[in-house]
Structure formats: structure tokens, C-alpha cells
Amino acid sequence: MNHQPFIPSQHSDWIKPHSFAWYAQIGKLTGKYVYPWNSSIVGQDAEELFEQEVAAMVAGKRVLDIGCGDGEFALQWSPIAEQVTGVDVTEDFIAHGDAGIRRNVRFVTANTKEALPFADESFDCAYNRRGPTSAYLDIARVLRPGGRLISLHPGDGQGSRLHELMPHLFSPPFEGTPILDNMKERLAAGGLGHAEIETVHATQYLHEPIDVIRMCCFGQLPAVHVAAIAEALPEIQQVFAEHAAAEGLAFEAVHYIVRVSKR
């Protein structure tokens, strides 16, 4: 009898990634949005580039962090910014951030699919580190004239090789560039259609077979992880044996960096 492949999304405890329920579950499980797998980047690291640009932008400014999660990224700007405000829809993330709050940092729970809960021209600049693009519909209103926005988002085609090697564990990439198209539409609808969008390509390596499970089951309950280890780990180990380099199992790391100033 042929062994049926393990498909994580068919597990009874599976929750659709990036849904409100999924974020709420991560908030209850860990209190923070942090990738649990071990990996390394060869080539231009979009995360490092983004962080450097944010550091150069926020000094002495009133700053908005869109999709702040538990607030760790926002808190690091406290010594140089005038004020940092983080907004996120997940209450458990915000509660975790409040535990480490500093004098000039505050966190607000809000759904960015609705209007941002801030007065007009409240901020000198804003950044969005893998947060919701729905905020782009209202971000220009809360930025002062000339205010800047820098964003970082996973790009179209990211991780397509993982689907090719392990189609039961990773969904196929969408055809075309739906992430980019959606982002452009929302920026244009929010009056920021003149934004510059850079595509950053690199190679990312997952270090061990268990990191594949940590990635494909990110945000799921422990029962899903346990089932994946029991059912899928031998297949993943075989993929590593056949395709991994010394650094680990390679796949495409694609990110979009958005840069725009309010006119």
C-alpha cells in the first residue's frame, strides 16, 4: 500500500495562515511574531537593508510602526526617535509590547482594514515591516506633507523551489505578480501611486530538515507540528540528502521594498 503524503493544511487543527484567527493564535502561543526556523541569506539581505533605511529615517521623528507585532522592532528606535507609535490588530502582541514600554513608545490595537485611529498629519514618517498593506489606503492622511514611508514585504515567487521539491508541504506560487499588483493598487488608492518599489532577490538556506517543518507549520498548534514530524520528516530528510548544499536547502528569497514621500 502506498504511503499517503502528509498535507499540513488537511490537519483538523490547521488555521489558514495570515487570517485574523492565525495571528490571534500566534499571539496566544508565543506573544510575538518571530520566524522560528533557522536560515541564512546569501546575497543582498532585504531585512538588513530595510532596517538600515529605517534607522536613517526615524531620528528625531514622530514614527508610526504599521503591524508592529509585539513591538520589539519599534522599541529599538526609542533612543533616537521623538516618539514611536505601534499599531497591530492582535491584542496579545500589543499586551506583550506594553510589558516593555518606554517613555516615548506606545502601542495601539486597531484593524488597519478600517481607518487608522490617528489624527491627520500625526506622524513625520512610517514604516511597515511585513505588515498589512490595507494601511496604505489611509496612511497618507496621517503623514505630514513630505512625510516618508518605507515598507518591506515578501515578494511574488518567494519559496517556489520549496513547492517544487515538497509539493505536499508548500502551496504553489501564484501566477503573475498578485502581491505586487495588490500593493500598487492600494498605494494608488491611498494617494501614493508615485511610490518606488524595489525587488530584492537573494538565496536563502534552511539549515536542517526540522526547519522545513518550522516554516511550513509556522503559527499552527503543537499538534500540527507533531504530526508533521511523524509523517513528513523522512521525506524532508530525503530531500535534504538529494538537494541540500553545505549551507542547507536553498530557495529564492524575494522581497519588495517600498519607498515613498507624501506630496
C-alpha atoms as a PDB file:
ATOM      1  CA  MET A   1       0.000   0.000   0.000  1.00  0.00           C
ATOM      2  CA  ASN A   2       1.371   3.431  -0.960  1.00  0.00           C
ATOM      3  CA  HIS A   3       2.010   5.844   1.888  1.00  0.00           C
ATOM      4  CA  GLN A   4      -0.244   8.888   1.626  1.00  0.00           C
ATOM      5  CA  PRO A   5       1.736  12.151   1.786  1.00  0.00           C
ATOM      6  CA  PHE A   6       1.175  14.380   4.789  1.00  0.00           C
ATOM      7  CA  ILE A   7      -0.605  17.611   3.866  1.00  0.00           C
ATOM      8  CA  PRO A   8      -0.493  20.042   6.816  1.00  0.00           C
ATOM      9  CA  SER A   9      -3.490  22.075   5.628  1.00  0.00           C
ATOM     10  CA  GLN A  10      -5.691  18.954   5.927  1.00  0.00           C
ATOM     11  CA  HIS A  11      -4.950  18.555   9.640  1.00  0.00           C
ATOM     12  CA  SER A  12      -8.021  19.178  11.812  1.00  0.00           C
ATOM     13  CA  ASP A  13      -6.202  21.906  13.809  1.00  0.00           C
ATOM     14  CA  TRP A  14      -4.919  23.797  10.766  1.00  0.00           C
ATOM     15  CA  ILE A  15      -5.728  27.512  10.610  1.00  0.00           C
ATOM     16  CA  LYS A  16      -5.311  29.480   7.390  1.00  0.00           C
ATOM     17  CA  PRO A  17      -2.064  31.491   7.547  1.00  0.00           C
ATOM     18  CA  HIS A  18      -2.362  35.281   7.741  1.00  0.00           C
ATOM     19  CA  SER A  19      -6.007  35.157   8.800  1.00  0.00           C
ATOM     20  CA  PHE A  20      -7.060  37.081  11.915  1.00  0.00           C
ATOM     21  CA  ALA A  21      -7.516  33.756  13.714  1.00  0.00           C
ATOM     22  CA  TRP A  22      -3.981  32.684  12.752  1.00  0.00           C
ATOM     23  CA  TYR A  23      -2.416  35.882  14.104  1.00  0.00           C
ATOM     24  CA  ALA A  24      -4.508  35.596  17.262  1.00  0.00           C
ATOM     25  CA  GLN A  25      -3.309  32.022  17.729  1.00  0.00           C
ATOM     26  CA  ILE A  26       0.345  33.062  17.389  1.00  0.00           C
ATOM     27  CA  GLY A  27      -0.314  35.807  19.934  1.00  0.00           C
ATOM     28  CA  LYS A  28      -1.650  33.286  22.441  1.00  0.00           C
ATOM     29  CA  LEU A  29       1.093  30.714  21.712  1.00  0.00           C
ATOM     30  CA  THR A  30       4.144  32.986  21.850  1.00  0.00           C
ATOM     31  CA  GLY A  31       3.082  36.615  22.298  1.00  0.00           C
ATOM     32  CA  LYS A  32       5.245  37.676  19.363  1.00  0.00           C
ATOM     33  CA  TYR A  33       5.565  37.314  15.597  1.00  0.00           C
ATOM     34  CA  VAL A  34       9.027  35.807  15.106  1.00  0.00           C
ATOM     35  CA  TYR A  35      10.084  33.272  12.487  1.00  0.00           C
ATOM     36  CA  PRO A  36      11.016  30.048  14.342  1.00  0.00           C
ATOM     37  CA  TRP A  37      13.203  28.429  11.666  1.00  0.00           C
ATOM     38  CA  ASN A  38      16.984  28.781  11.304  1.00  0.00           C
ATOM     39  CA  SER A  39      18.232  30.066   7.976  1.00  0.00           C
ATOM     40  CA  SER A  40      20.883  32.224   6.360  1.00  0.00           C
ATOM     41  CA  ILE A  41      20.954  34.608   3.401  1.00  0.00           C
ATOM     42  CA  VAL A  42      23.489  34.721   0.575  1.00  0.00           C
ATOM     43  CA  GLY A  43      23.273  37.910  -1.446  1.00  0.00           C
ATOM     44  CA  GLN A  44      21.513  41.155  -0.626  1.00  0.00           C
ATOM     45  CA  ASP A  45      19.622  40.820   2.660  1.00  0.00           C
ATOM     46  CA  ALA A  46      16.404  42.811   2.272  1.00  0.00           C
ATOM     47  CA  GLU A  47      15.729  42.732   6.024  1.00  0.00           C
ATOM     48  CA  GLU A  48      19.103  44.325   6.796  1.00  0.00           C
ATOM     49  CA  LEU A  49      18.699  46.905   4.036  1.00  0.00           C
ATOM     50  CA  PHE A  50      15.244  47.834   5.325  1.00  0.00           C
ATOM     51  CA  GLU A  51      16.463  48.151   8.922  1.00  0.00           C
ATOM     52  CA  GLN A  52      19.329  50.420   7.867  1.00  0.00           C
ATOM     53  CA  GLU A  53      16.955  52.705   5.974  1.00  0.00           C
ATOM     54  CA  VAL A  54      14.511  52.851   8.877  1.00  0.00           C
ATOM     55  CA  ALA A  55      17.350  53.755  11.259  1.00  0.00           C
ATOM     56  CA  ALA A  56      18.350  56.636   8.992  1.00  0.00           C
ATOM     57  CA  MET A  57      14.727  57.843   8.682  1.00  0.00           C
ATOM     58  CA  VAL A  58      13.413  57.861  12.269  1.00  0.00           C
ATOM     59  CA  ALA A  59      15.959  60.004  14.137  1.00  0.00           C
ATOM     60  CA  GLY A  60      14.150  62.857  15.885  1.00  0.00           C
ATOM     61  CA  LYS A  61      10.848  61.958  14.210  1.00  0.00           C
ATOM     62  CA  ARG A  62       7.295  61.036  15.198  1.00  0.00           C
ATOM     63  CA  VAL A  63       7.141  57.484  13.845  1.00  0.00           C
ATOM     64  CA  LEU A  64       4.326  55.042  13.025  1.00  0.00           C
ATOM     65  CA  ASP A  65       5.065  51.296  13.027  1.00  0.00           C
ATOM     66  CA  ILE A  66       2.398  49.526  10.934  1.00  0.00           C
ATOM     67  CA  GLY A  67       1.766  45.939  12.047  1.00  0.00           C
ATOM     68  CA  CYS A  68       4.146  46.272  14.993  1.00  0.00           C
ATOM     69  CA  GLY A  69       3.548  42.792  16.438  1.00  0.00           C
ATOM     70  CA  ASP A  70       4.962  42.556  19.955  1.00  0.00           C
ATOM     71  CA  GLY A  71       6.809  45.864  19.451  1.00  0.00           C
ATOM     72  CA  GLU A  72      10.414  44.662  19.636  1.00  0.00           C
ATOM     73  CA  PHE A  73      11.327  46.414  16.374  1.00  0.00           C
ATOM     74  CA  ALA A  74       9.568  49.612  17.482  1.00  0.00           C
ATOM     75  CA  LEU A  75      11.289  49.660  20.873  1.00  0.00           C
ATOM     76  CA  GLN A  76      14.755  49.702  19.361  1.00  0.00           C
ATOM     77  CA  TRP A  77      14.112  53.191  17.922  1.00  0.00           C
ATOM     78  CA  SER A  78      13.206  54.691  21.305  1.00  0.00           C
ATOM     79  CA  PRO A  79      16.710  56.157  21.934  1.00  0.00           C
ATOM     80  CA  ILE A  80      16.740  58.122  18.660  1.00  0.00           C
ATOM     81  CA  ALA A  81      13.109  58.874  17.728  1.00  0.00           C
ATOM     82  CA  GLU A  82      10.960  61.621  19.246  1.00  0.00           C
ATOM     83  CA  GLN A  83       8.030  59.208  19.590  1.00  0.00           C
ATOM     84  CA  VAL A  84       7.177  55.760  18.199  1.00  0.00           C
ATOM     85  CA  THR A  85       3.592  54.510  17.885  1.00  0.00           C
ATOM     86  CA  GLY A  86       2.996  50.855  17.025  1.00  0.00           C
ATOM     87  CA  VAL A  87      -0.338  49.633  15.710  1.00  0.00           C
ATOM     88  CA  ASP A  88      -1.429  45.995  15.404  1.00  0.00           C
ATOM     89  CA  VAL A  89      -4.710  44.083  15.298  1.00  0.00           C
ATOM     90  CA  THR A  90      -3.573  41.261  17.624  1.00  0.00           C
ATOM     91  CA  GLU A  91      -4.253  42.115  21.264  1.00  0.00           C
ATOM     92  CA  ASP A  92      -1.803  39.545  22.658  1.00  0.00           C
ATOM     93  CA  PHE A  93       1.011  41.080  20.606  1.00  0.00           C
ATOM     94  CA  ILE A  94       0.157  44.524  21.954  1.00  0.00           C
ATOM     95  CA  ALA A  95      -0.042  43.218  25.529  1.00  0.00           C
ATOM     96  CA  HIS A  96       3.434  41.730  25.165  1.00  0.00           C
ATOM     97  CA  GLY A  97       4.730  45.039  23.818  1.00  0.00           C
ATOM     98  CA  ASP A  98       3.175  47.023  26.646  1.00  0.00           C
ATOM     99  CA  ALA A  99       5.183  44.964  29.140  1.00  0.00           C
ATOM    100  CA  GLY A 100       8.388  46.569  27.856  1.00  0.00           C
ATOM    101  CA  ILE A 101       7.087  50.039  27.035  1.00  0.00           C
ATOM    102  CA  ARG A 102       9.370  53.062  27.241  1.00  0.00           C
ATOM    103  CA  ARG A 103       8.562  56.705  27.790  1.00  0.00           C
ATOM    104  CA  ASN A 104       8.310  57.660  24.108  1.00  0.00           C
ATOM    105  CA  VAL A 105       6.804  54.397  22.771  1.00  0.00           C
ATOM    106  CA  ARG A 106       3.131  53.482  22.768  1.00  0.00           C
ATOM    107  CA  PHE A 107       1.097  50.647  21.243  1.00  0.00           C
ATOM    108  CA  VAL A 108      -2.432  50.767  19.857  1.00  0.00           C
ATOM    109  CA  THR A 109      -4.731  47.867  18.971  1.00  0.00           C
ATOM    110  CA  ALA A 110      -6.553  48.559  15.709  1.00  0.00           C
ATOM    111  CA  ASN A 111      -7.623  46.927  12.455  1.00  0.00           C
ATOM    112  CA  THR A 112      -5.873  48.649   9.542  1.00  0.00           C
ATOM    113  CA  LYS A 113      -8.632  47.476   7.187  1.00  0.00           C
ATOM    114  CA  GLU A 114     -10.556  50.320   8.788  1.00  0.00           C
ATOM    115  CA  ALA A 115      -9.389  53.933   9.067  1.00  0.00           C
ATOM    116  CA  LEU A 116      -6.214  54.369  11.102  1.00  0.00           C
ATOM    117  CA  PRO A 117      -7.107  55.638  14.605  1.00  0.00           C
ATOM    118  CA  PHE A 118      -4.927  58.746  14.412  1.00  0.00           C
ATOM    119  CA  ALA A 119      -5.476  62.404  13.614  1.00  0.00           C
ATOM    120  CA  ASP A 120      -4.431  63.941  10.302  1.00  0.00           C
ATOM    121  CA  GLU A 121      -0.682  64.614   9.964  1.00  0.00           C
ATOM    122  CA  SER A 122       0.162  62.869  13.242  1.00  0.00           C
ATOM    123  CA  PHE A 123       3.447  61.396  12.010  1.00  0.00           C
ATOM    124  CA  ASP A 124       6.630  62.518  10.300  1.00  0.00           C
ATOM    125  CA  CYS A 125       7.281  59.055   8.891  1.00  0.00           C
ATOM    126  CA  ALA A 126       6.067  55.476   8.931  1.00  0.00           C
ATOM    127  CA  TYR A 127       7.382  52.032   8.194  1.00  0.00           C
ATOM    128  CA  ASN A 128       5.758  48.691   7.524  1.00  0.00           C
ATOM    129  CA  ARG A 129       7.859  45.591   8.245  1.00  0.00           C
ATOM    130  CA  ARG A 130       5.910  42.696   6.718  1.00  0.00           C
ATOM    131  CA  GLY A 131       2.695  44.268   7.999  1.00  0.00           C
ATOM    132  CA  PRO A 132      -0.723  44.770   6.376  1.00  0.00           C
ATOM    133  CA  THR A 133      -0.947  46.605   3.053  1.00  0.00           C
ATOM    134  CA  SER A 134      -4.502  47.656   3.945  1.00  0.00           C
ATOM    135  CA  ALA A 135      -2.927  50.545   5.881  1.00  0.00           C
ATOM    136  CA  TYR A 136      -1.843  52.113   2.583  1.00  0.00           C
ATOM    137  CA  LEU A 137      -5.421  53.204   1.951  1.00  0.00           C
ATOM    138  CA  ASP A 138      -5.200  55.699   4.846  1.00  0.00           C
ATOM    139  CA  ILE A 139      -1.502  56.218   5.550  1.00  0.00           C
ATOM    140  CA  ALA A 140      -1.130  59.447   3.560  1.00  0.00           C
ATOM    141  CA  ARG A 141      -3.757  61.130   5.740  1.00  0.00           C
ATOM    142  CA  VAL A 142      -1.806  60.577   8.959  1.00  0.00           C
ATOM    143  CA  LEU A 143       1.575  61.617   7.482  1.00  0.00           C
ATOM    144  CA  ARG A 144       2.608  65.267   7.418  1.00  0.00           C
ATOM    145  CA  PRO A 145       3.384  66.809   3.979  1.00  0.00           C
ATOM    146  CA  GLY A 146       6.717  65.409   2.853  1.00  0.00           C
ATOM    147  CA  GLY A 147       6.415  62.535   5.343  1.00  0.00           C
ATOM    148  CA  ARG A 148       8.099  59.306   4.301  1.00  0.00           C
ATOM    149  CA  LEU A 149       7.022  55.677   4.221  1.00  0.00           C
ATOM    150  CA  ILE A 150       9.380  52.691   3.915  1.00  0.00           C
ATOM    151  CA  SER A 151       7.993  49.163   3.715  1.00  0.00           C
ATOM    152  CA  LEU A 152       9.234  45.601   3.409  1.00  0.00           C
ATOM    153  CA  HIS A 153       7.064  42.748   2.092  1.00  0.00           C
ATOM    154  CA  PRO A 154       7.692  39.159   0.976  1.00  0.00           C
ATOM    155  CA  GLY A 155       7.604  39.103  -2.814  1.00  0.00           C
ATOM    156  CA  ASP A 156       5.907  37.079  -5.520  1.00  0.00           C
ATOM    157  CA  GLY A 157       7.609  33.763  -6.218  1.00  0.00           C
ATOM    158  CA  GLN A 158       9.306  33.506  -2.860  1.00  0.00           C
ATOM    159  CA  GLY A 159       9.942  29.892  -1.935  1.00  0.00           C
ATOM    160  CA  SER A 160       8.705  28.415  -5.220  1.00  0.00           C
ATOM    161  CA  ARG A 161      11.522  25.854  -5.148  1.00  0.00           C
ATOM    162  CA  LEU A 162      10.218  24.524  -1.837  1.00  0.00           C
ATOM    163  CA  HIS A 163       6.926  23.715  -3.545  1.00  0.00           C
ATOM    164  CA  GLU A 164       8.766  22.048  -6.417  1.00  0.00           C
ATOM    165  CA  LEU A 165      10.698  19.827  -4.014  1.00  0.00           C
ATOM    166  CA  MET A 166       7.922  19.252  -1.448  1.00  0.00           C
ATOM    167  CA  PRO A 167       4.555  19.997  -3.115  1.00  0.00           C
ATOM    168  CA  HIS A 168       2.555  18.425  -0.280  1.00  0.00           C
ATOM    169  CA  LEU A 169       4.062  20.768   2.294  1.00  0.00           C
ATOM    170  CA  PHE A 170       4.150  24.089   0.426  1.00  0.00           C
ATOM    171  CA  SER A 171       1.464  25.697  -1.722  1.00  0.00           C
ATOM    172  CA  PRO A 172       2.311  26.533  -5.334  1.00  0.00           C
ATOM    173  CA  PRO A 173       3.191  30.154  -6.077  1.00  0.00           C
ATOM    174  CA  PHE A 174       0.501  32.285  -7.651  1.00  0.00           C
ATOM    175  CA  GLU A 175       0.769  33.061 -11.333  1.00  0.00           C
ATOM    176  CA  GLY A 176       1.933  36.553 -12.207  1.00  0.00           C
ATOM    177  CA  THR A 177       2.611  39.151  -9.509  1.00  0.00           C
ATOM    178  CA  PRO A 178      -0.553  39.365  -7.376  1.00  0.00           C
ATOM    179  CA  ILE A 179       1.291  40.625  -4.276  1.00  0.00           C
ATOM    180  CA  LEU A 180       2.912  43.444  -6.220  1.00  0.00           C
ATOM    181  CA  ASP A 181      -0.305  44.264  -8.093  1.00  0.00           C
ATOM    182  CA  ASN A 182      -2.336  44.436  -4.874  1.00  0.00           C
ATOM    183  CA  MET A 183       0.269  46.631  -3.221  1.00  0.00           C
ATOM    184  CA  LYS A 184       0.348  49.031  -6.168  1.00  0.00           C
ATOM    185  CA  GLU A 185      -3.455  49.244  -6.201  1.00  0.00           C
ATOM    186  CA  ARG A 186      -3.626  50.099  -2.504  1.00  0.00           C
ATOM    187  CA  LEU A 187      -0.815  52.644  -2.721  1.00  0.00           C
ATOM    188  CA  ALA A 188      -2.563  54.319  -5.651  1.00  0.00           C
ATOM    189  CA  ALA A 189      -5.922  54.287  -3.873  1.00  0.00           C
ATOM    190  CA  GLY A 190      -4.262  55.954  -0.885  1.00  0.00           C
ATOM    191  CA  GLY A 191      -2.694  58.715  -2.997  1.00  0.00           C
ATOM    192  CA  LEU A 192       0.792  57.162  -3.034  1.00  0.00           C
ATOM    193  CA  GLY A 193       0.852  55.796  -6.559  1.00  0.00           C
ATOM    194  CA  HIS A 194       4.202  57.519  -7.167  1.00  0.00           C
ATOM    195  CA  ALA A 195       5.951  55.087  -4.785  1.00  0.00           C
ATOM    196  CA  GLU A 196       9.247  53.489  -5.775  1.00  0.00           C
ATOM    197  CA  ILE A 197       9.159  49.694  -5.388  1.00  0.00           C
ATOM    198  CA  GLU A 198      12.415  47.744  -5.492  1.00  0.00           C
ATOM    199  CA  THR A 199      12.545  43.965  -5.877  1.00  0.00           C
ATOM    200  CA  VAL A 200      15.363  42.382  -3.858  1.00  0.00           C
ATOM    201  CA  HIS A 201      16.494  38.855  -4.753  1.00  0.00           C
ATOM    202  CA  ALA A 202      18.729  36.606  -2.653  1.00  0.00           C
ATOM    203  CA  THR A 203      19.257  32.929  -1.878  1.00  0.00           C
ATOM    204  CA  GLN A 204      18.077  31.661   1.482  1.00  0.00           C
ATOM    205  CA  TYR A 205      19.177  28.386   3.074  1.00  0.00           C
ATOM    206  CA  LEU A 206      17.191  26.365   5.589  1.00  0.00           C
ATOM    207  CA  HIS A 207      19.792  24.758   7.824  1.00  0.00           C
ATOM    208  CA  GLU A 208      18.157  21.475   8.873  1.00  0.00           C
ATOM    209  CA  PRO A 209      15.175  19.293   7.907  1.00  0.00           C
ATOM    210  CA  ILE A 210      13.320  20.386  11.062  1.00  0.00           C
ATOM    211  CA  ASP A 211      13.474  23.978   9.791  1.00  0.00           C
ATOM    212  CA  VAL A 212      11.234  22.959   6.896  1.00  0.00           C
ATOM    213  CA  ILE A 213       8.573  21.847   9.361  1.00  0.00           C
ATOM    214  CA  ARG A 214       9.030  25.016  11.415  1.00  0.00           C
ATOM    215  CA  MET A 215       8.410  27.032   8.253  1.00  0.00           C
ATOM    216  CA  CYS A 216       5.505  25.154   6.710  1.00  0.00           C
ATOM    217  CA  CYS A 217       3.735  24.819  10.097  1.00  0.00           C
ATOM    218  CA  PHE A 218       4.503  28.321  11.379  1.00  0.00           C
ATOM    219  CA  GLY A 219       1.721  29.639  13.599  1.00  0.00           C
ATOM    220  CA  GLN A 220      -0.030  26.274  13.944  1.00  0.00           C
ATOM    221  CA  LEU A 221      -0.805  24.390  17.143  1.00  0.00           C
ATOM    222  CA  PRO A 222       1.781  21.904  18.500  1.00  0.00           C
ATOM    223  CA  ALA A 223      -0.407  19.001  17.319  1.00  0.00           C
ATOM    224  CA  VAL A 224       0.216  20.018  13.697  1.00  0.00           C
ATOM    225  CA  HIS A 225       3.976  20.160  14.266  1.00  0.00           C
ATOM    226  CA  VAL A 226       3.959  16.755  15.964  1.00  0.00           C
ATOM    227  CA  ALA A 227       2.018  15.212  13.080  1.00  0.00           C
ATOM    228  CA  ALA A 228       4.333  16.794  10.521  1.00  0.00           C
ATOM    229  CA  ILE A 229       7.425  15.450  12.279  1.00  0.00           C
ATOM    230  CA  ALA A 230       5.926  11.962  12.460  1.00  0.00           C
ATOM    231  CA  GLU A 231       4.596  11.878   8.909  1.00  0.00           C
ATOM    232  CA  ALA A 232       6.770  14.185   6.788  1.00  0.00           C
ATOM    233  CA  LEU A 233      10.239  14.292   8.340  1.00  0.00           C
ATOM    234  CA  PRO A 234      11.568  11.206   6.483  1.00  0.00           C
ATOM    235  CA  GLU A 235      10.561  12.770   3.149  1.00  0.00           C
ATOM    236  CA  ILE A 236      12.209  16.071   4.111  1.00  0.00           C
ATOM    237  CA  GLN A 237      15.388  14.296   5.156  1.00  0.00           C
ATOM    238  CA  GLN A 238      15.493  12.608   1.750  1.00  0.00           C
ATOM    239  CA  VAL A 239      15.062  15.968   0.012  1.00  0.00           C
ATOM    240  CA  PHE A 240      17.964  17.363   2.041  1.00  0.00           C
ATOM    241  CA  ALA A 241      20.108  14.356   1.187  1.00  0.00           C
ATOM    242  CA  GLU A 242      19.474  14.854  -2.533  1.00  0.00           C
ATOM    243  CA  HIS A 243      19.322  18.629  -2.907  1.00  0.00           C
ATOM    244  CA  ALA A 244      20.907  20.466   0.050  1.00  0.00           C
ATOM    245  CA  ALA A 245      24.287  22.194  -0.183  1.00  0.00           C
ATOM    246  CA  ALA A 246      26.714  22.607   2.699  1.00  0.00           C
ATOM    247  CA  GLU A 247      24.819  25.756   3.783  1.00  0.00           C
ATOM    248  CA  GLY A 248      21.456  23.957   3.750  1.00  0.00           C
ATOM    249  CA  LEU A 249      18.472  23.699   1.431  1.00  0.00           C
ATOM    250  CA  ALA A 250      18.351  26.682  -0.940  1.00  0.00           C
ATOM    251  CA  PHE A 251      15.285  28.584  -2.093  1.00  0.00           C
ATOM    252  CA  GLU A 252      14.501  32.004  -3.512  1.00  0.00           C
ATOM    253  CA  ALA A 253      14.199  34.921  -1.107  1.00  0.00           C
ATOM    254  CA  VAL A 254      12.199  37.671  -2.828  1.00  0.00           C
ATOM    255  CA  HIS A 255      11.171  40.915  -1.142  1.00  0.00           C
ATOM    256  CA  TYR A 256       9.653  44.234  -2.145  1.00  0.00           C
ATOM    257  CA  ILE A 257      10.926  47.428  -0.565  1.00  0.00           C
ATOM    258  CA  VAL A 258       8.577  50.404  -0.913  1.00  0.00           C
ATOM    259  CA  ARG A 259       9.865  53.967  -0.626  1.00  0.00           C
ATOM    260  CA  VAL A 260       7.585  56.977  -0.957  1.00  0.00           C
ATOM    261  CA  SER A 261       7.100  60.528   0.332  1.00  0.00           C
ATOM    262  CA  LYS A 262       3.729  62.199   0.727  1.00  0.00           C
ATOM    263  CA  ARG A 263       3.311  65.014  -1.779  1.00  0.00           C
END
